[in-house]
Amino acid sequence: MTRRRWLVAGGLALLALLALAWTQLAPWPRTGATYVAKQMCSCLFLTGRTEASCRTDFGDYVNRYSLAVDRGGLPRTARVTASLAMFRGEAVYDQGYGCRIAR
């Protein structure tokens, strides 16, 4: 094989390896974002604590996530979204039912 064919074959093998790694590792950040959203939802709306107080329960890793709290529907409903890069997790609070994972 010529040098060019080796480079092309190596590049294709690298792309295949990256695609496999992506499919195996992509669910982890999404799961983490969903976990943070659900825990923050429960902490905020079931215990009635402040966001700053709830953040202390998680440790430093929660600061990696961008949190958005939509209290527009209170007291009946509210939504918490946690984002890490392109990975998002959402939890919804429904009065009388508590918090549940939205997606």
PDB file of N, CA and C in Angstrom:
ATOM      1  N   MET A   1       0.846  -1.190   0.000  1.00  0.00           N
ATOM      2  CA  MET A   1       0.000   0.000   0.000  1.00  0.00           C
ATOM      3  C   MET A   1       0.882   1.241   0.000  1.00  0.00           C
ATOM      4  N   THR A   2       0.403   2.235  -0.689  1.00  0.00           N
ATOM      5  CA  THR A   2       1.150   3.479  -0.709  1.00  0.00           C
ATOM      6  C   THR A   2       0.883   4.257   0.565  1.00  0.00           C
ATOM      7  N   ARG A   3       1.688   5.249   0.766  1.00  0.00           N
ATOM      8  CA  ARG A   3       1.554   6.071   1.978  1.00  0.00           C
ATOM      9  C   ARG A   3       0.188   6.769   2.024  1.00  0.00           C
ATOM     10  N   ARG A   4      -0.279   7.220   0.880  1.00  0.00           N
ATOM     11  CA  ARG A   4      -1.565   7.913   0.837  1.00  0.00           C
ATOM     12  C   ARG A   4      -2.705   6.984   1.257  1.00  0.00           C
ATOM     13  N   ARG A   5      -2.683   5.762   0.802  1.00  0.00           N
ATOM     14  CA  ARG A   5      -3.734   4.813   1.177  1.00  0.00           C
ATOM     15  C   ARG A   5      -3.702   4.532   2.674  1.00  0.00           C
ATOM     16  N   TRP A   6      -2.505   4.446   3.250  1.00  0.00           N
ATOM     17  CA  TRP A   6      -2.396   4.246   4.698  1.00  0.00           C
ATOM     18  C   TRP A   6      -3.002   5.426   5.448  1.00  0.00           C
ATOM     19  N   LEU A   7      -2.741   6.629   4.974  1.00  0.00           N
ATOM     20  CA  LEU A   7      -3.294   7.815   5.628  1.00  0.00           C
ATOM     21  C   LEU A   7      -4.819   7.853   5.528  1.00  0.00           C
ATOM     22  N   VAL A   8      -5.341   7.523   4.360  1.00  0.00           N
ATOM     23  CA  VAL A   8      -6.794   7.496   4.183  1.00  0.00           C
ATOM     24  C   VAL A   8      -7.412   6.410   5.061  1.00  0.00           C
ATOM     25  N   ALA A   9      -6.817   5.234   5.075  1.00  0.00           N
ATOM     26  CA  ALA A   9      -7.334   4.141   5.902  1.00  0.00           C
ATOM     27  C   ALA A   9      -7.257   4.507   7.387  1.00  0.00           C
ATOM     28  N   GLY A  10      -6.169   5.131   7.792  1.00  0.00           N
ATOM     29  CA  GLY A  10      -6.034   5.560   9.188  1.00  0.00           C
ATOM     30  C   GLY A  10      -7.049   6.631   9.553  1.00  0.00           C
ATOM     31  N   GLY A  11      -7.283   7.566   8.637  1.00  0.00           N
ATOM     32  CA  GLY A  11      -8.278   8.613   8.880  1.00  0.00           C
ATOM     33  C   GLY A  11      -9.682   8.045   8.997  1.00  0.00           C
ATOM     34  N   LEU A  12     -10.020   7.100   8.134  1.00  0.00           N
ATOM     35  CA  LEU A  12     -11.334   6.459   8.208  1.00  0.00           C
ATOM     36  C   LEU A  12     -11.487   5.647   9.494  1.00  0.00           C
ATOM     37  N   ALA A  13     -10.429   4.969   9.894  1.00  0.00           N
ATOM     38  CA  ALA A  13     -10.480   4.209  11.148  1.00  0.00           C
ATOM     39  C   ALA A  13     -10.659   5.150  12.335  1.00  0.00           C
ATOM     40  N   LEU A  14      -9.997   6.293  12.297  1.00  0.00           N
ATOM     41  CA  LEU A  14     -10.137   7.275  13.371  1.00  0.00           C
ATOM     42  C   LEU A  14     -11.561   7.831  13.420  1.00  0.00           C
ATOM     43  N   LEU A  15     -12.131   8.131  12.264  1.00  0.00           N
ATOM     44  CA  LEU A  15     -13.518   8.603  12.222  1.00  0.00           C
ATOM     45  C   LEU A  15     -14.488   7.552  12.756  1.00  0.00           C
ATOM     46  N   ALA A  16     -14.265   6.303  12.404  1.00  0.00           N
ATOM     47  CA  ALA A  16     -15.127   5.227  12.906  1.00  0.00           C
ATOM     48  C   ALA A  16     -14.998   5.097  14.418  1.00  0.00           C
ATOM     49  N   LEU A  17     -13.791   5.220  14.928  1.00  0.00           N
ATOM     50  CA  LEU A  17     -13.569   5.146  16.372  1.00  0.00           C
ATOM     51  C   LEU A  17     -14.231   6.314  17.094  1.00  0.00           C
ATOM     52  N   LEU A  18     -14.141   7.515  16.532  1.00  0.00           N
ATOM     53  CA  LEU A  18     -14.797   8.681  17.132  1.00  0.00           C
ATOM     54  C   LEU A  18     -16.317   8.540  17.110  1.00  0.00           C
ATOM     55  N   ALA A  19     -16.860   8.012  16.029  1.00  0.00           N
ATOM     56  CA  ALA A  19     -18.312   7.804  15.952  1.00  0.00           C
ATOM     57  C   ALA A  19     -18.763   6.789  16.995  1.00  0.00           C
ATOM     58  N   LEU A  20     -18.008   5.736  17.177  1.00  0.00           N
ATOM     59  CA  LEU A  20     -18.340   4.733  18.185  1.00  0.00           C
ATOM     60  C   LEU A  20     -18.252   5.326  19.587  1.00  0.00           C
ATOM     61  N   ALA A  21     -17.206   6.101  19.838  1.00  0.00           N
ATOM     62  CA  ALA A  21     -17.062   6.737  21.154  1.00  0.00           C
ATOM     63  C   ALA A  21     -18.219   7.696  21.413  1.00  0.00           C
ATOM     64  N   TRP A  22     -18.638   8.434  20.397  1.00  0.00           N
ATOM     65  CA  TRP A  22     -19.744   9.381  20.563  1.00  0.00           C
ATOM     66  C   TRP A  22     -21.030   8.660  20.944  1.00  0.00           C
ATOM     67  N   THR A  23     -21.319   7.565  20.273  1.00  0.00           N
ATOM     68  CA  THR A  23     -22.558   6.849  20.575  1.00  0.00           C
ATOM     69  C   THR A  23     -22.532   6.229  21.964  1.00  0.00           C
ATOM     70  N   GLN A  24     -21.353   5.886  22.457  1.00  0.00           N
ATOM     71  CA  GLN A  24     -21.251   5.272  23.776  1.00  0.00           C
ATOM     72  C   GLN A  24     -21.201   6.300  24.895  1.00  0.00           C
ATOM     73  N   LEU A  25     -20.631   7.473  24.637  1.00  0.00           N
ATOM     74  CA  LEU A  25     -20.419   8.459  25.699  1.00  0.00           C
ATOM     75  C   LEU A  25     -21.449   9.578  25.727  1.00  0.00           C
ATOM     76  N   ALA A  26     -22.172   9.802  24.651  1.00  0.00           N
ATOM     77  CA  ALA A  26     -23.126  10.914  24.597  1.00  0.00           C
ATOM     78  C   ALA A  26     -24.238  10.830  25.638  1.00  0.00           C
ATOM     79  N   PRO A  27     -24.749   9.669  26.007  1.00  0.00           N
ATOM     80  CA  PRO A  27     -25.828   9.643  27.009  1.00  0.00           C
ATOM     81  C   PRO A  27     -25.411  10.123  28.398  1.00  0.00           C
ATOM     82  N   TRP A  28     -24.151  10.040  28.749  1.00  0.00           N
ATOM     83  CA  TRP A  28     -23.729  10.408  30.102  1.00  0.00           C
ATOM     84  C   TRP A  28     -23.966  11.873  30.435  1.00  0.00           C
ATOM     85  N   PRO A  29     -23.549  12.836  29.603  1.00  0.00           N
ATOM     86  CA  PRO A  29     -23.833  14.238  29.953  1.00  0.00           C
ATOM     87  C   PRO A  29     -25.327  14.549  29.979  1.00  0.00           C
ATOM     88  N   ARG A  30     -26.102  13.918  29.110  1.00  0.00           N
ATOM     89  CA  ARG A  30     -27.547  14.129  29.094  1.00  0.00           C
ATOM     90  C   ARG A  30     -28.177  13.588  30.380  1.00  0.00           C
ATOM     91  N   THR A  31     -27.710  12.445  30.828  1.00  0.00           N
ATOM     92  CA  THR A  31     -28.203  11.874  32.081  1.00  0.00           C
ATOM     93  C   THR A  31     -27.860  12.781  33.249  1.00  0.00           C
ATOM     94  N   GLY A  32     -26.646  13.329  33.243  1.00  0.00           N
ATOM     95  CA  GLY A  32     -26.247  14.251  34.306  1.00  0.00           C
ATOM     96  C   GLY A  32     -27.094  15.508  34.319  1.00  0.00           C
ATOM     97  N   ALA A  33     -27.378  16.050  33.147  1.00  0.00           N
ATOM     98  CA  ALA A  33     -28.204  17.255  33.068  1.00  0.00           C
ATOM     99  C   ALA A  33     -29.622  16.979  33.561  1.00  0.00           C
ATOM    100  N   THR A  34     -30.153  15.824  33.219  1.00  0.00           N
ATOM    101  CA  THR A  34     -31.496  15.465  33.670  1.00  0.00           C
ATOM    102  C   THR A  34     -31.526  15.269  35.179  1.00  0.00           C
ATOM    103  N   TYR A  35     -30.488  14.654  35.721  1.00  0.00           N
ATOM    104  CA  TYR A  35     -30.396  14.455  37.174  1.00  0.00           C
ATOM    105  C   TYR A  35     -30.358  15.795  37.906  1.00  0.00           C
ATOM    106  N   VAL A  36     -29.528  16.708  37.417  1.00  0.00           N
ATOM    107  CA  VAL A  36     -29.419  18.025  38.058  1.00  0.00           C
ATOM    108  C   VAL A  36     -30.755  18.758  37.985  1.00  0.00           C
ATOM    109  N   ALA A  37     -31.425  18.712  36.841  1.00  0.00           N
ATOM    110  CA  ALA A  37     -32.722  19.389  36.703  1.00  0.00           C
ATOM    111  C   ALA A  37     -33.744  18.818  37.676  1.00  0.00           C
ATOM    112  N   LYS A  38     -33.804  17.505  37.778  1.00  0.00           N
ATOM    113  CA  LYS A  38     -34.779  16.861  38.672  1.00  0.00           C
ATOM    114  C   LYS A  38     -34.479  17.175  40.138  1.00  0.00           C
ATOM    115  N   GLN A  39     -33.229  17.102  40.531  1.00  0.00           N
ATOM    116  CA  GLN A  39     -32.866  17.374  41.922  1.00  0.00           C
ATOM    117  C   GLN A  39     -33.102  18.842  42.278  1.00  0.00           C
ATOM    118  N   MET A  40     -32.776  19.747  41.349  1.00  0.00           N
ATOM    119  CA  MET A  40     -33.013  21.170  41.610  1.00  0.00           C
ATOM    120  C   MET A  40     -34.508  21.456  41.689  1.00  0.00           C
ATOM    121  N   CYS A  41     -35.284  20.826  40.838  1.00  0.00           N
ATOM    122  CA  CYS A  41     -36.733  20.997  40.874  1.00  0.00           C
ATOM    123  C   CYS A  41     -37.279  20.571  42.232  1.00  0.00           C
ATOM    124  N   SER A  42     -36.878  19.413  42.697  1.00  0.00           N
ATOM    125  CA  SER A  42     -37.348  18.922  43.992  1.00  0.00           C
ATOM    126  C   SER A  42     -36.900  19.829  45.123  1.00  0.00           C
ATOM    127  N   CYS A  43     -35.662  20.269  45.070  1.00  0.00           N
ATOM    128  CA  CYS A  43     -35.133  21.126  46.126  1.00  0.00           C
ATOM    129  C   CYS A  43     -35.843  22.477  46.151  1.00  0.00           C
ATOM    130  N   LEU A  44     -36.066  23.050  44.979  1.00  0.00           N
ATOM    131  CA  LEU A  44     -36.682  24.376  44.914  1.00  0.00           C
ATOM    132  C   LEU A  44     -38.160  24.362  45.272  1.00  0.00           C
ATOM    133  N   PHE A  45     -38.908  23.439  44.692  1.00  0.00           N
ATOM    134  CA  PHE A  45     -40.360  23.525  44.781  1.00  0.00           C
ATOM    135  C   PHE A  45     -40.987  22.610  45.828  1.00  0.00           C
ATOM    136  N   LEU A  46     -40.308  21.550  46.215  1.00  0.00           N
ATOM    137  CA  LEU A  46     -40.860  20.686  47.255  1.00  0.00           C
ATOM    138  C   LEU A  46     -40.401  21.103  48.643  1.00  0.00           C
ATOM    139  N   THR A  47     -39.141  21.557  48.745  1.00  0.00           N
ATOM    140  CA  THR A  47     -38.645  21.985  50.057  1.00  0.00           C
ATOM    141  C   THR A  47     -38.739  23.489  50.244  1.00  0.00           C
ATOM    142  N   GLY A  48     -38.910  24.239  49.141  1.00  0.00           N
ATOM    143  CA  GLY A  48     -39.070  25.687  49.243  1.00  0.00           C
ATOM    144  C   GLY A  48     -37.787  26.446  49.515  1.00  0.00           C
ATOM    145  N   ARG A  49     -36.652  25.853  49.198  1.00  0.00           N
ATOM    146  CA  ARG A  49     -35.375  26.525  49.430  1.00  0.00           C
ATOM    147  C   ARG A  49     -35.016  27.429  48.257  1.00  0.00           C
ATOM    148  N   THR A  50     -33.991  28.261  48.457  1.00  0.00           N
ATOM    149  CA  THR A  50     -33.516  29.145  47.392  1.00  0.00           C
ATOM    150  C   THR A  50     -32.575  28.371  46.474  1.00  0.00           C
ATOM    151  N   GLU A  51     -32.351  28.925  45.286  1.00  0.00           N
ATOM    152  CA  GLU A  51     -31.445  28.271  44.341  1.00  0.00           C
ATOM    153  C   GLU A  51     -30.029  28.202  44.892  1.00  0.00           C
ATOM    154  N   ALA A  52     -29.570  29.268  45.538  1.00  0.00           N
ATOM    155  CA  ALA A  52     -28.224  29.267  46.120  1.00  0.00           C
ATOM    156  C   ALA A  52     -28.091  28.192  47.190  1.00  0.00           C
ATOM    157  N   SER A  53     -29.118  28.029  47.994  1.00  0.00           N
ATOM    158  CA  SER A  53     -29.097  27.001  49.032  1.00  0.00           C
ATOM    159  C   SER A  53     -29.081  25.601  48.419  1.00  0.00           C
ATOM    160  N   CYS A  54     -29.836  25.405  47.360  1.00  0.00           N
ATOM    161  CA  CYS A  54     -29.884  24.090  46.712  1.00  0.00           C
ATOM    162  C   CYS A  54     -28.554  23.748  46.044  1.00  0.00           C
ATOM    163  N   ARG A  55     -27.889  24.740  45.478  1.00  0.00           N
ATOM    164  CA  ARG A  55     -26.608  24.497  44.809  1.00  0.00           C
ATOM    165  C   ARG A  55     -25.560  23.944  45.769  1.00  0.00           C
ATOM    166  N   THR A  56     -25.643  24.308  47.045  1.00  0.00           N
ATOM    167  CA  THR A  56     -24.647  23.816  48.005  1.00  0.00           C
ATOM    168  C   THR A  56     -24.782  22.315  48.235  1.00  0.00           C
ATOM    169  N   ASP A  57     -25.945  21.749  47.999  1.00  0.00           N
ATOM    170  CA  ASP A  57     -26.138  20.308  48.181  1.00  0.00           C
ATOM    171  C   ASP A  57     -25.392  19.479  47.146  1.00  0.00           C
ATOM    172  N   PHE A  58     -25.173  20.032  45.967  1.00  0.00           N
ATOM    173  CA  PHE A  58     -24.594  19.275  44.868  1.00  0.00           C
ATOM    174  C   PHE A  58     -23.080  19.279  44.840  1.00  0.00           C
ATOM    175  N   GLY A  59     -22.458  20.261  45.428  1.00  0.00           N
ATOM    176  CA  GLY A  59     -21.015  20.382  45.305  1.00  0.00           C
ATOM    177  C   GLY A  59     -20.655  21.220  44.087  1.00  0.00           C
ATOM    178  N   ASP A  60     -19.396  21.149  43.696  1.00  0.00           N
ATOM    179  CA  ASP A  60     -18.886  22.013  42.631  1.00  0.00           C
ATOM    180  C   ASP A  60     -19.367  21.626  41.236  1.00  0.00           C
ATOM    181  N   TYR A  61     -19.705  20.368  41.019  1.00  0.00           N
ATOM    182  CA  TYR A  61     -20.033  19.958  39.655  1.00  0.00           C
ATOM    183  C   TYR A  61     -21.304  20.612  39.124  1.00  0.00           C
ATOM    184  N   VAL A  62     -22.206  21.045  40.004  1.00  0.00           N
ATOM    185  CA  VAL A  62     -23.441  21.672  39.524  1.00  0.00           C
ATOM    186  C   VAL A  62     -23.148  23.014  38.852  1.00  0.00           C
ATOM    187  N   ASN A  63     -22.027  23.627  39.170  1.00  0.00           N
ATOM    188  CA  ASN A  63     -21.678  24.909  38.558  1.00  0.00           C
ATOM    189  C   ASN A  63     -21.305  24.756  37.089  1.00  0.00           C
ATOM    190  N   ARG A  64     -21.061  23.545  36.642  1.00  0.00           N
ATOM    191  CA  ARG A  64     -20.783  23.311  35.222  1.00  0.00           C
ATOM    192  C   ARG A  64     -22.049  23.426  34.376  1.00  0.00           C
ATOM    193  N   TYR A  65     -23.190  23.286  35.007  1.00  0.00           N
ATOM    194  CA  TYR A  65     -24.467  23.304  34.302  1.00  0.00           C
ATOM    195  C   TYR A  65     -25.077  24.696  34.335  1.00  0.00           C
ATOM    196  N   SER A  66     -25.690  25.058  33.229  1.00  0.00           N
ATOM    197  CA  SER A  66     -26.458  26.293  33.160  1.00  0.00           C
ATOM    198  C   SER A  66     -27.891  25.948  33.554  1.00  0.00           C
ATOM    199  N   LEU A  67     -28.392  26.611  34.585  1.00  0.00           N
ATOM    200  CA  LEU A  67     -29.734  26.315  35.085  1.00  0.00           C
ATOM    201  C   LEU A  67     -30.695  27.440  34.730  1.00  0.00           C
ATOM    202  N   ALA A  68     -31.869  27.070  34.270  1.00  0.00           N
ATOM    203  CA  ALA A  68     -32.936  28.034  33.988  1.00  0.00           C
ATOM    204  C   ALA A  68     -34.181  27.561  34.728  1.00  0.00           C
ATOM    205  N   VAL A  69     -34.724  28.436  35.551  1.00  0.00           N
ATOM    206  CA  VAL A  69     -35.914  28.106  36.333  1.00  0.00           C
ATOM    207  C   VAL A  69     -37.061  28.978  35.836  1.00  0.00           C
ATOM    208  N   ASP A  70     -38.121  28.343  35.362  1.00  0.00           N
ATOM    209  CA  ASP A  70     -39.311  29.043  34.877  1.00  0.00           C
ATOM    210  C   ASP A  70     -40.411  28.894  35.921  1.00  0.00           C
ATOM    211  N   ARG A  71     -40.650  29.966  36.651  1.00  0.00           N
ATOM    212  CA  ARG A  71     -41.667  29.957  37.704  1.00  0.00           C
ATOM    213  C   ARG A  71     -42.984  30.565  37.223  1.00  0.00           C
ATOM    214  N   GLY A  72     -43.142  30.731  35.934  1.00  0.00           N
ATOM    215  CA  GLY A  72     -44.299  31.420  35.368  1.00  0.00           C
ATOM    216  C   GLY A  72     -45.643  30.813  35.712  1.00  0.00           C
ATOM    217  N   GLY A  73     -45.696  29.510  35.901  1.00  0.00           N
ATOM    218  CA  GLY A  73     -46.973  28.868  36.165  1.00  0.00           C
ATOM    219  C   GLY A  73     -47.263  28.598  37.625  1.00  0.00           C
ATOM    220  N   LEU A  74     -46.391  29.089  38.509  1.00  0.00           N
ATOM    221  CA  LEU A  74     -46.613  28.833  39.942  1.00  0.00           C
ATOM    222  C   LEU A  74     -47.911  29.458  40.392  1.00  0.00           C
ATOM    223  N   PRO A  75     -48.630  28.905  41.296  1.00  0.00           N
ATOM    224  CA  PRO A  75     -48.276  27.786  42.166  1.00  0.00           C
ATOM    225  C   PRO A  75     -48.587  26.419  41.572  1.00  0.00           C
ATOM    226  N   ARG A  76     -49.169  26.345  40.382  1.00  0.00           N
ATOM    227  CA  ARG A  76     -49.579  25.041  39.841  1.00  0.00           C
ATOM    228  C   ARG A  76     -48.460  24.284  39.149  1.00  0.00           C
ATOM    229  N   THR A  77     -47.602  24.988  38.418  1.00  0.00           N
ATOM    230  CA  THR A  77     -46.566  24.299  37.650  1.00  0.00           C
ATOM    231  C   THR A  77     -45.328  25.179  37.519  1.00  0.00           C
ATOM    232  N   ALA A  78     -44.184  24.548  37.331  1.00  0.00           N
ATOM    233  CA  ALA A  78     -42.912  25.240  37.115  1.00  0.00           C
ATOM    234  C   ALA A  78     -41.989  24.283  36.362  1.00  0.00           C
ATOM    235  N   ARG A  79     -40.914  24.827  35.784  1.00  0.00           N
ATOM    236  CA  ARG A  79     -39.995  24.021  34.976  1.00  0.00           C
ATOM    237  C   ARG A  79     -38.556  24.408  35.301  1.00  0.00           C
ATOM    238  N   VAL A  80     -37.688  23.395  35.391  1.00  0.00           N
ATOM    239  CA  VAL A  80     -36.256  23.606  35.591  1.00  0.00           C
ATOM    240  C   VAL A  80     -35.527  22.945  34.430  1.00  0.00           C
ATOM    241  N   THR A  81     -34.630  23.700  33.789  1.00  0.00           N
ATOM    242  CA  THR A  81     -33.832  23.182  32.684  1.00  0.00           C
ATOM    243  C   THR A  81     -32.366  23.292  33.056  1.00  0.00           C
ATOM    244  N   ALA A  82     -31.632  22.198  32.900  1.00  0.00           N
ATOM    245  CA  ALA A  82     -30.184  22.181  33.130  1.00  0.00           C
ATOM    246  C   ALA A  82     -29.510  21.881  31.799  1.00  0.00           C
ATOM    247  N   SER A  83     -28.483  22.664  31.463  1.00  0.00           N
ATOM    248  CA  SER A  83     -27.788  22.489  30.189  1.00  0.00           C
ATOM    249  C   SER A  83     -26.291  22.376  30.420  1.00  0.00           C
ATOM    250  N   LEU A  84     -25.675  21.486  29.669  1.00  0.00           N
ATOM    251  CA  LEU A  84     -24.224  21.340  29.643  1.00  0.00           C
ATOM    252  C   LEU A  84     -23.842  21.224  28.176  1.00  0.00           C
ATOM    253  N   ALA A  85     -23.301  22.312  27.625  1.00  0.00           N
ATOM    254  CA  ALA A  85     -23.007  22.400  26.193  1.00  0.00           C
ATOM    255  C   ALA A  85     -24.306  22.158  25.419  1.00  0.00           C
ATOM    256  N   MET A  86     -24.370  21.115  24.609  1.00  0.00           N
ATOM    257  CA  MET A  86     -25.585  20.867  23.826  1.00  0.00           C
ATOM    258  C   MET A  86     -26.506  19.839  24.478  1.00  0.00           C
ATOM    259  N   PHE A  87     -26.186  19.417  25.670  1.00  0.00           N
ATOM    260  CA  PHE A  87     -26.994  18.421  26.367  1.00  0.00           C
ATOM    261  C   PHE A  87     -27.923  19.115  27.351  1.00  0.00           C
ATOM    262  N   ARG A  88     -29.213  18.742  27.303  1.00  0.00           N
ATOM    263  CA  ARG A  88     -30.210  19.377  28.167  1.00  0.00           C
ATOM    264  C   ARG A  88     -31.031  18.333  28.899  1.00  0.00           C
ATOM    265  N   GLY A  89     -31.449  18.728  30.082  1.00  0.00           N
ATOM    266  CA  GLY A  89     -32.382  17.913  30.841  1.00  0.00           C
ATOM    267  C   GLY A  89     -33.432  18.831  31.439  1.00  0.00           C
ATOM    268  N   GLU A  90     -34.660  18.373  31.497  1.00  0.00           N
ATOM    269  CA  GLU A  90     -35.745  19.192  32.035  1.00  0.00           C
ATOM    270  C   GLU A  90     -36.542  18.413  33.062  1.00  0.00           C
ATOM    271  N   ALA A  91     -36.987  19.137  34.058  1.00  0.00           N
ATOM    272  CA  ALA A  91     -37.887  18.578  35.062  1.00  0.00           C
ATOM    273  C   ALA A  91     -39.035  19.558  35.251  1.00  0.00           C
ATOM    274  N   VAL A  92     -40.220  19.018  35.504  1.00  0.00           N
ATOM    275  CA  VAL A  92     -41.424  19.829  35.653  1.00  0.00           C
ATOM    276  C   VAL A  92     -42.030  19.563  37.020  1.00  0.00           C
ATOM    277  N   TYR A  93     -42.421  20.644  37.691  1.00  0.00           N
ATOM    278  CA  TYR A  93     -43.136  20.537  38.959  1.00  0.00           C
ATOM    279  C   TYR A  93     -44.624  20.700  38.682  1.00  0.00           C
ATOM    280  N   ASP A  94     -45.412  19.757  39.150  1.00  0.00           N
ATOM    281  CA  ASP A  94     -46.872  19.839  39.073  1.00  0.00           C
ATOM    282  C   ASP A  94     -47.412  19.772  40.491  1.00  0.00           C
ATOM    283  N   GLN A  95     -48.196  20.775  40.860  1.00  0.00           N
ATOM    284  CA  GLN A  95     -48.746  20.825  42.210  1.00  0.00           C
ATOM    285  C   GLN A  95     -49.562  19.564  42.490  1.00  0.00           C
ATOM    286  N   GLY A  96     -49.283  18.954  43.615  1.00  0.00           N
ATOM    287  CA  GLY A  96     -49.975  17.735  43.996  1.00  0.00           C
ATOM    288  C   GLY A  96     -49.289  16.461  43.537  1.00  0.00           C
ATOM    289  N   TYR A  97     -48.372  16.583  42.574  1.00  0.00           N
ATOM    290  CA  TYR A  97     -47.672  15.409  42.050  1.00  0.00           C
ATOM    291  C   TYR A  97     -46.168  15.472  42.281  1.00  0.00           C
ATOM    292  N   GLY A  98     -45.615  16.652  42.481  1.00  0.00           N
ATOM    293  CA  GLY A  98     -44.177  16.790  42.681  1.00  0.00           C
ATOM    294  C   GLY A  98     -43.450  17.027  41.374  1.00  0.00           C
ATOM    295  N   CYS A  99     -42.175  16.682  41.358  1.00  0.00           N
ATOM    296  CA  CYS A  99     -41.334  16.903  40.184  1.00  0.00           C
ATOM    297  C   CYS A  99     -41.182  15.611  39.396  1.00  0.00           C
ATOM    298  N   ARG A 100     -41.145  15.763  38.078  1.00  0.00           N
ATOM    299  CA  ARG A 100     -40.948  14.617  37.199  1.00  0.00           C
ATOM    300  C   ARG A 100     -40.017  15.030  36.070  1.00  0.00           C
ATOM    301  N   ILE A 101     -39.378  14.057  35.479  1.00  0.00           N
ATOM    302  CA  ILE A 101     -38.485  14.311  34.354  1.00  0.00           C
ATOM    303  C   ILE A 101     -39.336  14.572  33.121  1.00  0.00           C
ATOM    304  N   ALA A 102     -39.047  15.679  32.443  1.00  0.00           N
ATOM    305  CA  ALA A 102     -39.819  16.033  31.252  1.00  0.00           C
ATOM    306  C   ALA A 102     -39.183  15.464  29.990  1.00  0.00           C
ATOM    307  N   ARG A 103     -37.866  15.509  29.911  1.00  0.00           N
ATOM    308  CA  ARG A 103     -37.142  14.906  28.783  1.00  0.00           C
ATOM    309  C   ARG A 103     -35.683  14.862  29.078  1.00  0.00           C
TER     310      ARG A 103
END
